[in-house]
Amino acid sequence: MNKLKSSMNNLRIISYYTGYIILIIAGLMAIPMITSFVFAEWNPLIDFIISSAAAIIVGTTLMLFGMKAKANNETIQWKQGFTIAALSWVLLMVLCALPYKLSGNIGSMLDA
């Protein structure tokens, strides 16, 4: 039972900080949105709004799942940090490819 509790705690810590990183990147998507708005490029603006909304939903969901670990002031260990970095790269790769895929100019997600 103690091992299950430890595994769940690790998952919550990883989830919280991965969600935090995703929310930061979702905020950085405001830069291309502002640029699209200034130059009156409405289709890319909509693509980035959809992608940013998807990133906000994923990031918030992960943070809410891991909120209990943050409330307990759990510290990050090396193994959790490596997992956070790897999981963040994978999730951000998919989320940041969305505007390119939604634009219709790229054939597949792999190319995006």
PDB file of N, CA and C in Angstrom:
ATOM      1  N   MET A   1       0.833  -1.195   0.000  1.00  0.00           N
ATOM      2  CA  MET A   1       0.000   0.000   0.000  1.00  0.00           C
ATOM      3  C   MET A   1       0.871   1.250   0.000  1.00  0.00           C
ATOM      4  N   ASN A   2       1.993   1.201   0.729  1.00  0.00           N
ATOM      5  CA  ASN A   2       2.875   2.358   0.814  1.00  0.00           C
ATOM      6  C   ASN A   2       3.516   2.656  -0.542  1.00  0.00           C
ATOM      7  N   LYS A   3       3.837   1.587  -1.301  1.00  0.00           N
ATOM      8  CA  LYS A   3       4.439   1.759  -2.620  1.00  0.00           C
ATOM      9  C   LYS A   3       3.444   2.391  -3.586  1.00  0.00           C
ATOM     10  N   LEU A   4       2.174   2.011  -3.503  1.00  0.00           N
ATOM     11  CA  LEU A   4       1.140   2.597  -4.341  1.00  0.00           C
ATOM     12  C   LEU A   4       0.960   4.070  -4.022  1.00  0.00           C
ATOM     13  N   LYS A   5       1.005   4.412  -2.748  1.00  0.00           N
ATOM     14  CA  LYS A   5       0.881   5.805  -2.338  1.00  0.00           C
ATOM     15  C   LYS A   5       2.065   6.627  -2.847  1.00  0.00           C
ATOM     16  N   SER A   6       3.255   6.048  -2.797  1.00  0.00           N
ATOM     17  CA  SER A   6       4.449   6.727  -3.293  1.00  0.00           C
ATOM     18  C   SER A   6       4.382   6.926  -4.805  1.00  0.00           C
ATOM     19  N   SER A   7       3.914   5.922  -5.525  1.00  0.00           N
ATOM     20  CA  SER A   7       3.772   6.031  -6.981  1.00  0.00           C
ATOM     21  C   SER A   7       2.757   7.098  -7.354  1.00  0.00           C
ATOM     22  N   MET A   8       1.661   7.138  -6.628  1.00  0.00           N
ATOM     23  CA  MET A   8       0.636   8.140  -6.896  1.00  0.00           C
ATOM     24  C   MET A   8       1.157   9.534  -6.587  1.00  0.00           C
ATOM     25  N   ASN A   9       1.949   9.671  -5.542  1.00  0.00           N
ATOM     26  CA  ASN A   9       2.527  10.956  -5.186  1.00  0.00           C
ATOM     27  C   ASN A   9       3.513  11.412  -6.262  1.00  0.00           C
ATOM     28  N   ASN A  10       4.333  10.472  -6.770  1.00  0.00           N
ATOM     29  CA  ASN A  10       5.243  10.808  -7.862  1.00  0.00           C
ATOM     30  C   ASN A  10       4.477  11.264  -9.090  1.00  0.00           C
ATOM     31  N   LEU A  11       3.398  10.570  -9.405  1.00  0.00           N
ATOM     32  CA  LEU A  11       2.579  10.924 -10.565  1.00  0.00           C
ATOM     33  C   LEU A  11       1.972  12.313 -10.401  1.00  0.00           C
ATOM     34  N   ARG A  12       1.553  12.633  -9.202  1.00  0.00           N
ATOM     35  CA  ARG A  12       0.962  13.952  -8.956  1.00  0.00           C
ATOM     36  C   ARG A  12       1.997  15.075  -9.087  1.00  0.00           C
ATOM     37  N   ILE A  13       3.188  14.849  -8.589  1.00  0.00           N
ATOM     38  CA  ILE A  13       4.250  15.855  -8.706  1.00  0.00           C
ATOM     39  C   ILE A  13       4.602  16.069 -10.175  1.00  0.00           C
ATOM     40  N   ILE A  14       4.769  14.986 -10.904  1.00  0.00           N
ATOM     41  CA  ILE A  14       5.091  15.073 -12.329  1.00  0.00           C
ATOM     42  C   ILE A  14       3.970  15.772 -13.082  1.00  0.00           C
ATOM     43  N   SER A  15       2.750  15.428 -12.758  1.00  0.00           N
ATOM     44  CA  SER A  15       1.590  16.016 -13.421  1.00  0.00           C
ATOM     45  C   SER A  15       1.515  17.527 -13.169  1.00  0.00           C
ATOM     46  N   TYR A  16       1.723  17.941 -11.936  1.00  0.00           N
ATOM     47  CA  TYR A  16       1.608  19.356 -11.594  1.00  0.00           C
ATOM     48  C   TYR A  16       2.628  20.198 -12.366  1.00  0.00           C
ATOM     49  N   TYR A  17       3.870  19.801 -12.321  1.00  0.00           N
ATOM     50  CA  TYR A  17       4.906  20.614 -12.948  1.00  0.00           C
ATOM     51  C   TYR A  17       4.883  20.530 -14.473  1.00  0.00           C
ATOM     52  N   THR A  18       4.466  19.400 -15.016  1.00  0.00           N
ATOM     53  CA  THR A  18       4.296  19.313 -16.471  1.00  0.00           C
ATOM     54  C   THR A  18       3.166  20.236 -16.918  1.00  0.00           C
ATOM     55  N   GLY A  19       2.077  20.250 -16.184  1.00  0.00           N
ATOM     56  CA  GLY A  19       0.972  21.161 -16.492  1.00  0.00           C
ATOM     57  C   GLY A  19       1.387  22.615 -16.386  1.00  0.00           C
ATOM     58  N   TYR A  20       2.237  22.918 -15.427  1.00  0.00           N
ATOM     59  CA  TYR A  20       2.732  24.288 -15.250  1.00  0.00           C
ATOM     60  C   TYR A  20       3.547  24.723 -16.473  1.00  0.00           C
ATOM     61  N   ILE A  21       4.407  23.851 -16.955  1.00  0.00           N
ATOM     62  CA  ILE A  21       5.217  24.158 -18.143  1.00  0.00           C
ATOM     63  C   ILE A  21       4.328  24.337 -19.369  1.00  0.00           C
ATOM     64  N   ILE A  22       3.324  23.503 -19.509  1.00  0.00           N
ATOM     65  CA  ILE A  22       2.416  23.606 -20.655  1.00  0.00           C
ATOM     66  C   ILE A  22       1.646  24.924 -20.604  1.00  0.00           C
ATOM     67  N   LEU A  23       1.239  25.349 -19.425  1.00  0.00           N
ATOM     68  CA  LEU A  23       0.533  26.630 -19.312  1.00  0.00           C
ATOM     69  C   LEU A  23       1.435  27.810 -19.663  1.00  0.00           C
ATOM     70  N   ILE A  24       2.706  27.725 -19.347  1.00  0.00           N
ATOM     71  CA  ILE A  24       3.643  28.788 -19.725  1.00  0.00           C
ATOM     72  C   ILE A  24       3.743  28.870 -21.247  1.00  0.00           C
ATOM     73  N   ILE A  25       3.852  27.739 -21.906  1.00  0.00           N
ATOM     74  CA  ILE A  25       3.931  27.726 -23.365  1.00  0.00           C
ATOM     75  C   ILE A  25       2.615  28.206 -23.975  1.00  0.00           C
ATOM     76  N   ALA A  26       1.497  27.865 -23.367  1.00  0.00           N
ATOM     77  CA  ALA A  26       0.206  28.366 -23.856  1.00  0.00           C
ATOM     78  C   ALA A  26       0.163  29.894 -23.769  1.00  0.00           C
ATOM     79  N   GLY A  27       0.750  30.445 -22.729  1.00  0.00           N
ATOM     80  CA  GLY A  27       0.842  31.908 -22.619  1.00  0.00           C
ATOM     81  C   GLY A  27       1.752  32.501 -23.675  1.00  0.00           C
ATOM     82  N   LEU A  28       2.826  31.791 -24.010  1.00  0.00           N
ATOM     83  CA  LEU A  28       3.729  32.280 -25.047  1.00  0.00           C
ATOM     84  C   LEU A  28       3.102  32.230 -26.438  1.00  0.00           C
ATOM     85  N   MET A  29       2.045  31.455 -26.598  1.00  0.00           N
ATOM     86  CA  MET A  29       1.339  31.430 -27.876  1.00  0.00           C
ATOM     87  C   MET A  29       0.611  32.751 -28.131  1.00  0.00           C
ATOM     88  N   ALA A  30       0.561  33.611 -27.146  1.00  0.00           N
ATOM     89  CA  ALA A  30      -0.045  34.933 -27.338  1.00  0.00           C
ATOM     90  C   ALA A  30       0.788  35.779 -28.291  1.00  0.00           C
ATOM     91  N   ILE A  31       2.092  35.538 -28.366  1.00  0.00           N
ATOM     92  CA  ILE A  31       2.956  36.328 -29.258  1.00  0.00           C
ATOM     93  C   ILE A  31       2.540  36.153 -30.717  1.00  0.00           C
ATOM     94  N   PRO A  32       2.411  34.927 -31.244  1.00  0.00           N
ATOM     95  CA  PRO A  32       1.945  34.821 -32.630  1.00  0.00           C
ATOM     96  C   PRO A  32       0.491  35.257 -32.811  1.00  0.00           C
ATOM     97  N   MET A  33      -0.320  35.148 -31.750  1.00  0.00           N
ATOM     98  CA  MET A  33      -1.697  35.629 -31.853  1.00  0.00           C
ATOM     99  C   MET A  33      -1.731  37.144 -32.016  1.00  0.00           C
ATOM    100  N   ILE A  34      -0.921  37.842 -31.257  1.00  0.00           N
ATOM    101  CA  ILE A  34      -0.857  39.303 -31.376  1.00  0.00           C
ATOM    102  C   ILE A  34      -0.327  39.700 -32.751  1.00  0.00           C
ATOM    103  N   THR A  35       0.690  38.996 -33.217  1.00  0.00           N
ATOM    104  CA  THR A  35       1.249  39.276 -34.538  1.00  0.00           C
ATOM    105  C   THR A  35       0.208  39.046 -35.632  1.00  0.00           C
ATOM    106  N   SER A  36      -0.540  37.965 -35.546  1.00  0.00           N
ATOM    107  CA  SER A  36      -1.590  37.689 -36.530  1.00  0.00           C
ATOM    108  C   SER A  36      -2.674  38.749 -36.481  1.00  0.00           C
ATOM    109  N   PHE A  37      -3.003  39.215 -35.293  1.00  0.00           N
ATOM    110  CA  PHE A  37      -4.027  40.250 -35.151  1.00  0.00           C
ATOM    111  C   PHE A  37      -3.549  41.572 -35.749  1.00  0.00           C
ATOM    112  N   VAL A  38      -2.302  41.940 -35.475  1.00  0.00           N
ATOM    113  CA  VAL A  38      -1.765  43.204 -35.979  1.00  0.00           C
ATOM    114  C   VAL A  38      -1.738  43.225 -37.505  1.00  0.00           C
ATOM    115  N   PHE A  39      -1.359  42.104 -38.120  1.00  0.00           N
ATOM    116  CA  PHE A  39      -1.262  42.038 -39.573  1.00  0.00           C
ATOM    117  C   PHE A  39      -2.551  41.546 -40.234  1.00  0.00           C
ATOM    118  N   ALA A  40      -3.626  41.444 -39.466  1.00  0.00           N
ATOM    119  CA  ALA A  40      -4.957  41.056 -39.948  1.00  0.00           C
ATOM    120  C   ALA A  40      -4.939  39.713 -40.679  1.00  0.00           C
ATOM    121  N   GLU A  41      -4.219  38.767 -40.135  1.00  0.00           N
ATOM    122  CA  GLU A  41      -4.199  37.408 -40.660  1.00  0.00           C
ATOM    123  C   GLU A  41      -5.121  36.561 -39.778  1.00  0.00           C
ATOM    124  N   TRP A  42      -6.360  36.444 -40.197  1.00  0.00           N
ATOM    125  CA  TRP A  42      -7.380  35.877 -39.326  1.00  0.00           C
ATOM    126  C   TRP A  42      -7.303  34.358 -39.237  1.00  0.00           C
ATOM    127  N   ASN A  43      -6.983  33.681 -40.313  1.00  0.00           N
ATOM    128  CA  ASN A  43      -6.908  32.211 -40.248  1.00  0.00           C
ATOM    129  C   ASN A  43      -5.810  31.726 -39.303  1.00  0.00           C
ATOM    130  N   PRO A  44      -4.583  32.265 -39.382  1.00  0.00           N
ATOM    131  CA  PRO A  44      -3.579  31.836 -38.389  1.00  0.00           C
ATOM    132  C   PRO A  44      -3.966  32.212 -36.956  1.00  0.00           C
ATOM    133  N   LEU A  45      -4.665  33.330 -36.808  1.00  0.00           N
ATOM    134  CA  LEU A  45      -5.110  33.731 -35.469  1.00  0.00           C
ATOM    135  C   LEU A  45      -6.040  32.685 -34.880  1.00  0.00           C
ATOM    136  N   ILE A  46      -6.975  32.217 -35.681  1.00  0.00           N
ATOM    137  CA  ILE A  46      -7.910  31.195 -35.202  1.00  0.00           C
ATOM    138  C   ILE A  46      -7.175  29.892 -34.883  1.00  0.00           C
ATOM    139  N   ASP A  47      -6.190  29.530 -35.735  1.00  0.00           N
ATOM    140  CA  ASP A  47      -5.412  28.306 -35.483  1.00  0.00           C
ATOM    141  C   ASP A  47      -4.665  28.398 -34.156  1.00  0.00           C
ATOM    142  N   PHE A  48      -4.076  29.551 -33.880  1.00  0.00           N
ATOM    143  CA  PHE A  48      -3.339  29.704 -32.624  1.00  0.00           C
ATOM    144  C   PHE A  48      -4.272  29.807 -31.420  1.00  0.00           C
ATOM    145  N   ILE A  49      -5.453  30.362 -31.602  1.00  0.00           N
ATOM    146  CA  ILE A  49      -6.427  30.402 -30.498  1.00  0.00           C
ATOM    147  C   ILE A  49      -6.855  28.984 -30.133  1.00  0.00           C
ATOM    148  N   ILE A  50      -7.133  28.166 -31.145  1.00  0.00           N
ATOM    149  CA  ILE A  50      -7.531  26.770 -30.890  1.00  0.00           C
ATOM    150  C   ILE A  50      -6.396  26.007 -30.209  1.00  0.00           C
ATOM    151  N   SER A  51      -5.173  26.197 -30.693  1.00  0.00           N
ATOM    152  CA  SER A  51      -4.022  25.499 -30.109  1.00  0.00           C
ATOM    153  C   SER A  51      -3.748  25.957 -28.686  1.00  0.00           C
ATOM    154  N   SER A  52      -3.877  27.245 -28.467  1.00  0.00           N
ATOM    155  CA  SER A  52      -3.668  27.775 -27.116  1.00  0.00           C
ATOM    156  C   SER A  52      -4.740  27.258 -26.162  1.00  0.00           C
ATOM    157  N   ALA A  53      -5.978  27.194 -26.631  1.00  0.00           N
ATOM    158  CA  ALA A  53      -7.065  26.665 -25.797  1.00  0.00           C
ATOM    159  C   ALA A  53      -6.821  25.196 -25.457  1.00  0.00           C
ATOM    160  N   ALA A  54      -6.352  24.420 -26.429  1.00  0.00           N
ATOM    161  CA  ALA A  54      -6.044  23.010 -26.167  1.00  0.00           C
ATOM    162  C   ALA A  54      -4.921  22.886 -25.144  1.00  0.00           C
ATOM    163  N   ALA A  55      -3.895  23.729 -25.265  1.00  0.00           N
ATOM    164  CA  ALA A  55      -2.782  23.694 -24.310  1.00  0.00           C
ATOM    165  C   ALA A  55      -3.247  24.118 -22.917  1.00  0.00           C
ATOM    166  N   ILE A  56      -4.119  25.096 -22.848  1.00  0.00           N
ATOM    167  CA  ILE A  56      -4.638  25.537 -21.549  1.00  0.00           C
ATOM    168  C   ILE A  56      -5.465  24.432 -20.896  1.00  0.00           C
ATOM    169  N   ILE A  57      -6.271  23.741 -21.685  1.00  0.00           N
ATOM    170  CA  ILE A  57      -7.087  22.648 -21.141  1.00  0.00           C
ATOM    171  C   ILE A  57      -6.204  21.519 -20.624  1.00  0.00           C
ATOM    172  N   VAL A  58      -5.213  21.112 -21.419  1.00  0.00           N
ATOM    173  CA  VAL A  58      -4.320  20.027 -21.003  1.00  0.00           C
ATOM    174  C   VAL A  58      -3.511  20.442 -19.775  1.00  0.00           C
ATOM    175  N   GLY A  59      -2.943  21.646 -19.796  1.00  0.00           N
ATOM    176  CA  GLY A  59      -2.137  22.123 -18.677  1.00  0.00           C
ATOM    177  C   GLY A  59      -2.932  22.267 -17.389  1.00  0.00           C
ATOM    178  N   THR A  60      -4.131  22.804 -17.495  1.00  0.00           N
ATOM    179  CA  THR A  60      -4.972  22.972 -16.309  1.00  0.00           C
ATOM    180  C   THR A  60      -5.400  21.625 -15.742  1.00  0.00           C
ATOM    181  N   THR A  61      -5.728  20.699 -16.621  1.00  0.00           N
ATOM    182  CA  THR A  61      -6.121  19.361 -16.166  1.00  0.00           C
ATOM    183  C   THR A  61      -4.975  18.685 -15.420  1.00  0.00           C
ATOM    184  N   LEU A  62      -3.776  18.765 -15.986  1.00  0.00           N
ATOM    185  CA  LEU A  62      -2.618  18.170 -15.314  1.00  0.00           C
ATOM    186  C   LEU A  62      -2.327  18.851 -13.980  1.00  0.00           C
ATOM    187  N   MET A  63      -2.441  20.171 -13.942  1.00  0.00           N
ATOM    188  CA  MET A  63      -2.179  20.882 -12.688  1.00  0.00           C
ATOM    189  C   MET A  63      -3.222  20.556 -11.626  1.00  0.00           C
ATOM    190  N   LEU A  64      -4.485  20.459 -12.035  1.00  0.00           N
ATOM    191  CA  LEU A  64      -5.523  20.120 -11.059  1.00  0.00           C
ATOM    192  C   LEU A  64      -5.334  18.716 -10.500  1.00  0.00           C
ATOM    193  N   PHE A  65      -4.889  17.781 -11.349  1.00  0.00           N
ATOM    194  CA  PHE A  65      -4.621  16.430 -10.873  1.00  0.00           C
ATOM    195  C   PHE A  65      -3.484  16.413  -9.862  1.00  0.00           C
ATOM    196  N   GLY A  66      -2.476  17.262 -10.067  1.00  0.00           N
ATOM    197  CA  GLY A  66      -1.323  17.269  -9.182  1.00  0.00           C
ATOM    198  C   GLY A  66      -1.374  18.296  -8.076  1.00  0.00           C
ATOM    199  N   MET A  67      -2.499  18.962  -7.914  1.00  0.00           N
ATOM    200  CA  MET A  67      -2.613  20.028  -6.916  1.00  0.00           C
ATOM    201  C   MET A  67      -2.388  19.536  -5.490  1.00  0.00           C
ATOM    202  N   LYS A  68      -2.756  18.291  -5.205  1.00  0.00           N
ATOM    203  CA  LYS A  68      -2.587  17.757  -3.856  1.00  0.00           C
ATOM    204  C   LYS A  68      -1.104  17.666  -3.481  1.00  0.00           C
ATOM    205  N   ALA A  69      -0.253  17.305  -4.447  1.00  0.00           N
ATOM    206  CA  ALA A  69       1.187  17.227  -4.172  1.00  0.00           C
ATOM    207  C   ALA A  69       1.750  18.615  -3.908  1.00  0.00           C
ATOM    208  N   LYS A  70       1.264  19.606  -4.612  1.00  0.00           N
ATOM    209  CA  LYS A  70       1.735  20.978  -4.395  1.00  0.00           C
ATOM    210  C   LYS A  70       1.260  21.486  -3.029  1.00  0.00           C
ATOM    211  N   ALA A  71       0.057  21.116  -2.659  1.00  0.00           N
ATOM    212  CA  ALA A  71      -0.472  21.543  -1.363  1.00  0.00           C
ATOM    213  C   ALA A  71       0.321  20.933  -0.206  1.00  0.00           C
ATOM    214  N   ASN A  72       0.886  19.741  -0.412  1.00  0.00           N
ATOM    215  CA  ASN A  72       1.682  19.083   0.624  1.00  0.00           C
ATOM    216  C   ASN A  72       3.139  19.514   0.615  1.00  0.00           C
ATOM    217  N   ASN A  73       3.488  20.472  -0.235  1.00  0.00           N
ATOM    218  CA  ASN A  73       4.857  20.992  -0.359  1.00  0.00           C
ATOM    219  C   ASN A  73       5.877  19.887  -0.628  1.00  0.00           C
ATOM    220  N   GLU A  74       5.514  19.002  -1.532  1.00  0.00           N
ATOM    221  CA  GLU A  74       6.425  17.927  -1.922  1.00  0.00           C
ATOM    222  C   GLU A  74       7.572  18.516  -2.742  1.00  0.00           C
ATOM    223  N   THR A  75       8.756  17.974  -2.561  1.00  0.00           N
ATOM    224  CA  THR A  75       9.910  18.442  -3.320  1.00  0.00           C
ATOM    225  C   THR A  75      10.150  17.516  -4.507  1.00  0.00           C
ATOM    226  N   ILE A  76      10.785  18.069  -5.530  1.00  0.00           N
ATOM    227  CA  ILE A  76      11.068  17.300  -6.735  1.00  0.00           C
ATOM    228  C   ILE A  76      12.397  16.573  -6.567  1.00  0.00           C
ATOM    229  N   GLN A  77      12.400  15.300  -6.926  1.00  0.00           N
ATOM    230  CA  GLN A  77      13.625  14.521  -6.943  1.00  0.00           C
ATOM    231  C   GLN A  77      14.152  14.473  -8.372  1.00  0.00           C
ATOM    232  N   TRP A  78      15.372  13.979  -8.527  1.00  0.00           N
ATOM    233  CA  TRP A  78      16.002  13.926  -9.847  1.00  0.00           C
ATOM    234  C   TRP A  78      15.180  13.116 -10.836  1.00  0.00           C
ATOM    235  N   LYS A  79      14.719  11.951 -10.431  1.00  0.00           N
ATOM    236  CA  LYS A  79      13.973  11.092 -11.348  1.00  0.00           C
ATOM    237  C   LYS A  79      12.672  11.749 -11.794  1.00  0.00           C
ATOM    238  N   GLN A  80      12.041  12.489 -10.903  1.00  0.00           N
ATOM    239  CA  GLN A  80      10.828  13.202 -11.275  1.00  0.00           C
ATOM    240  C   GLN A  80      11.138  14.350 -12.232  1.00  0.00           C
ATOM    241  N   GLY A  81      12.250  15.024 -12.002  1.00  0.00           N
ATOM    242  CA  GLY A  81      12.656  16.118 -12.878  1.00  0.00           C
ATOM    243  C   GLY A  81      12.932  15.644 -14.292  1.00  0.00           C
ATOM    244  N   PHE A  82      13.610  14.507 -14.418  1.00  0.00           N
ATOM    245  CA  PHE A  82      13.860  13.945 -15.749  1.00  0.00           C
ATOM    246  C   PHE A  82      12.554  13.564 -16.441  1.00  0.00           C
ATOM    247  N   THR A  83      11.638  12.997 -15.691  1.00  0.00           N
ATOM    248  CA  THR A  83      10.353  12.599 -16.260  1.00  0.00           C
ATOM    249  C   THR A  83       9.539  13.822 -16.668  1.00  0.00           C
ATOM    250  N   ILE A  84       9.578  14.872 -15.849  1.00  0.00           N
ATOM    251  CA  ILE A  84       8.876  16.115 -16.178  1.00  0.00           C
ATOM    252  C   ILE A  84       9.420  16.694 -17.479  1.00  0.00           C
ATOM    253  N   ALA A  85      10.738  16.726 -17.608  1.00  0.00           N
ATOM    254  CA  ALA A  85      11.351  17.282 -18.817  1.00  0.00           C
ATOM    255  C   ALA A  85      10.973  16.456 -20.048  1.00  0.00           C
ATOM    256  N   ALA A  86      11.056  15.139 -19.950  1.00  0.00           N
ATOM    257  CA  ALA A  86      10.743  14.286 -21.097  1.00  0.00           C
ATOM    258  C   ALA A  86       9.270  14.376 -21.475  1.00  0.00           C
ATOM    259  N   LEU A  87       8.391  14.321 -20.492  1.00  0.00           N
ATOM    260  CA  LEU A  87       6.961  14.388 -20.762  1.00  0.00           C
ATOM    261  C   LEU A  87       6.569  15.751 -21.318  1.00  0.00           C
ATOM    262  N   SER A  88       7.202  16.800 -20.825  1.00  0.00           N
ATOM    263  CA  SER A  88       6.920  18.143 -21.335  1.00  0.00           C
ATOM    264  C   SER A  88       7.312  18.262 -22.801  1.00  0.00           C
ATOM    265  N   TRP A  89       8.469  17.724 -23.161  1.00  0.00           N
ATOM    266  CA  TRP A  89       8.901  17.765 -24.561  1.00  0.00           C
ATOM    267  C   TRP A  89       7.909  17.052 -25.457  1.00  0.00           C
ATOM    268  N   VAL A  90       7.453  15.889 -25.049  1.00  0.00           N
ATOM    269  CA  VAL A  90       6.532  15.108 -25.884  1.00  0.00           C
ATOM    270  C   VAL A  90       5.189  15.821 -26.022  1.00  0.00           C
ATOM    271  N   LEU A  91       4.628  16.267 -24.922  1.00  0.00           N
ATOM    272  CA  LEU A  91       3.328  16.944 -24.978  1.00  0.00           C
ATOM    273  C   LEU A  91       3.407  18.272 -25.727  1.00  0.00           C
ATOM    274  N   LEU A  92       4.471  19.027 -25.506  1.00  0.00           N
ATOM    275  CA  LEU A  92       4.605  20.303 -26.197  1.00  0.00           C
ATOM    276  C   LEU A  92       4.847  20.115 -27.686  1.00  0.00           C
ATOM    277  N   MET A  93       5.501  19.032 -28.051  1.00  0.00           N
ATOM    278  CA  MET A  93       5.719  18.747 -29.466  1.00  0.00           C
ATOM    279  C   MET A  93       4.361  18.586 -30.168  1.00  0.00           C
ATOM    280  N   VAL A  94       3.452  17.899 -29.541  1.00  0.00           N
ATOM    281  CA  VAL A  94       2.130  17.692 -30.128  1.00  0.00           C
ATOM    282  C   VAL A  94       1.319  18.987 -30.093  1.00  0.00           C
ATOM    283  N   LEU A  95       1.309  19.671 -28.951  1.00  0.00           N
ATOM    284  CA  LEU A  95       0.494  20.878 -28.813  1.00  0.00           C
ATOM    285  C   LEU A  95       0.987  22.027 -29.694  1.00  0.00           C
ATOM    286  N   CYS A  96       2.283  22.147 -29.855  1.00  0.00           N
ATOM    287  CA  CYS A  96       2.820  23.237 -30.673  1.00  0.00           C
ATOM    288  C   CYS A  96       2.767  22.925 -32.163  1.00  0.00           C
ATOM    289  N   ALA A  97       2.513  21.675 -32.525  1.00  0.00           N
ATOM    290  CA  ALA A  97       2.343  21.326 -33.934  1.00  0.00           C
ATOM    291  C   ALA A  97       0.906  21.561 -34.400  1.00  0.00           C
ATOM    292  N   LEU A  98      -0.016  21.748 -33.465  1.00  0.00           N
ATOM    293  CA  LEU A  98      -1.418  21.927 -33.819  1.00  0.00           C
ATOM    294  C   LEU A  98      -1.677  23.103 -34.765  1.00  0.00           C
ATOM    295  N   PRO A  99      -1.127  24.294 -34.537  1.00  0.00           N
ATOM    296  CA  PRO A  99      -1.450  25.383 -35.459  1.00  0.00           C
ATOM    297  C   PRO A  99      -0.982  25.112 -36.885  1.00  0.00           C
ATOM    298  N   TYR A 100       0.127  24.412 -37.019  1.00  0.00           N
ATOM    299  CA  TYR A 100       0.625  24.084 -38.353  1.00  0.00           C
ATOM    300  C   TYR A 100      -0.279  23.059 -39.026  1.00  0.00           C
ATOM    301  N   LYS A 101      -0.747  22.091 -38.269  1.00  0.00           N
ATOM    302  CA  LYS A 101      -1.658  21.089 -38.808  1.00  0.00           C
ATOM    303  C   LYS A 101      -3.010  21.718 -39.143  1.00  0.00           C
ATOM    304  N   LEU A 102      -3.502  22.603 -38.279  1.00  0.00           N
ATOM    305  CA  LEU A 102      -4.794  23.243 -38.515  1.00  0.00           C
ATOM    306  C   LEU A 102      -4.768  24.190 -39.710  1.00  0.00           C
ATOM    307  N   SER A 103      -3.605  24.713 -40.042  1.00  0.00           N
ATOM    308  CA  SER A 103      -3.514  25.650 -41.163  1.00  0.00           C
ATOM    309  C   SER A 103      -3.793  24.966 -42.493  1.00  0.00           C
ATOM    310  N   GLY A 104      -3.576  23.662 -42.566  1.00  0.00           N
ATOM    311  CA  GLY A 104      -3.823  22.932 -43.792  1.00  0.00           C
ATOM    312  C   GLY A 104      -2.632  22.937 -44.727  1.00  0.00           C
ATOM    313  N   ASN A 105      -1.579  23.647 -44.390  1.00  0.00           N
ATOM    314  CA  ASN A 105      -0.393  23.694 -45.243  1.00  0.00           C
ATOM    315  C   ASN A 105       0.533  22.510 -45.035  1.00  0.00           C
ATOM    316  N   ILE A 106       0.390  21.826 -43.924  1.00  0.00           N
ATOM    317  CA  ILE A 106       1.234  20.690 -43.593  1.00  0.00           C
ATOM    318  C   ILE A 106       0.384  19.430 -43.697  1.00  0.00           C
ATOM    319  N   GLY A 107       0.920  18.405 -44.318  1.00  0.00           N
ATOM    320  CA  GLY A 107       0.148  17.193 -44.555  1.00  0.00           C
ATOM    321  C   GLY A 107      -0.101  16.337 -43.335  1.00  0.00           C
ATOM    322  N   SER A 108       0.897  16.169 -42.469  1.00  0.00           N
ATOM    323  CA  SER A 108       0.721  15.273 -41.332  1.00  0.00           C
ATOM    324  C   SER A 108       1.292  15.918 -40.066  1.00  0.00           C
ATOM    325  N   MET A 109       0.930  15.323 -38.943  1.00  0.00           N
ATOM    326  CA  MET A 109       1.441  15.828 -37.663  1.00  0.00           C
ATOM    327  C   MET A 109       2.946  15.633 -37.564  1.00  0.00           C
ATOM    328  N   LEU A 110       3.459  14.605 -38.209  1.00  0.00           N
ATOM    329  CA  LEU A 110       4.891  14.356 -38.187  1.00  0.00           C
ATOM    330  C   LEU A 110       5.645  15.482 -38.897  1.00  0.00           C
ATOM    331  N   ASP A 111       5.097  15.986 -39.973  1.00  0.00           N
ATOM    332  CA  ASP A 111       5.717  17.096 -40.681  1.00  0.00           C
ATOM    333  C   ASP A 111       5.567  18.416 -39.929  1.00  0.00           C
ATOM    334  N   ALA A 112       4.476  18.540 -39.186  1.00  0.00           N
ATOM    335  CA  ALA A 112       4.246  19.780 -38.443  1.00  0.00           C
ATOM    336  C   ALA A 112       5.249  19.902 -37.322  1.00  0.00           C
TER     337      ALA A 112
END
